[in-house]
Amino acid sequence: MSQTISILQWNIWYKEDIRNIAAFLKAHPADIICLQELTNGYQQNEPDTVEYIARTLGYRHYGQGMPLPDGSWLQANAIFARFPIVDKCFHYINEPVGTNGFDDEYRSYIEMTLQIDDTHQLTVGTTHMSYTDRFVNTPRKEQEADKLAAILKSKQHNFIFTGDLNVTPDSPTLQKVQKLLQHAGPDFSQKTWTTKPFSYNGFEETELNWRLDYIFASTDVNVLRSEILQTEYSDHLPVWAEVEVI
């Protein structure tokens, strides 16, 4: 018998009050939640935002952050689920080499395998890929995408992949992912960034003009529906999908 499961993907923005994020997630429940930009010991009322979200929702969880010299961390990816965890792992898809900048940071892919019921397991992976100026492809981003694709290549059964990939739908990174997995929607014309003013290195953006956040699935997962959720919290909008695991 098949199982219907809901998934929410969201870059929550490390500057957003984590209490607002938790309130939104409680008001828009999903069986599995993938978040990016969680923090520990960094500019938040709650010191460990991964633990806070898990405690508030009552979900099982797994997270991995980018270590800082003072022992705190930020830019964490985390997966929260109401199902038992069978297995979990992470891989670095980018590591600093000393060139500095947003593309010279630790970037990880994390994964959990969940026991949905007596007969169904589902593996869920998520990542937050490096930012490149104006989201253009670079040799460094190409290497990161290749490392991600190497991981995804073996995920062909009961698998969901989400993330803020920091790339547009026509990018080489998205082309690599779409060769391996089906897009779970909604249509690429629907945008997810930015709802807050952004300024970096001469690039200014104040409008919701970009699609950077995605949900993908293995071809044996039946995608039932999906949508972009509206919220004033974070600089990204959440992506939500409902799928059927057979």
Foldseek 3Di string as FASTA:
>chain_A
DKDKFKEKEEAQALQFALVVVLVVCVVVPGQKYKYWWFWACPNYPDRGSQVVSCVSVVWDKDKDFFADPVGIGTGMIMMTHNFDWPDKDKDWLAAADPPDDQLRTTWMKIKTWGDPDPPDIAMEIETEHTADVVQADDPSLVSSLVSVLVVLQVAQARYKYKYQHNHACVHPSVVSVVVRWAFLDDDSQQFWFFCDWDDDPHDTDHDRGGHRIGMTHHPQKAWDDKDFDDDNGHGTTMIMTMIMHD
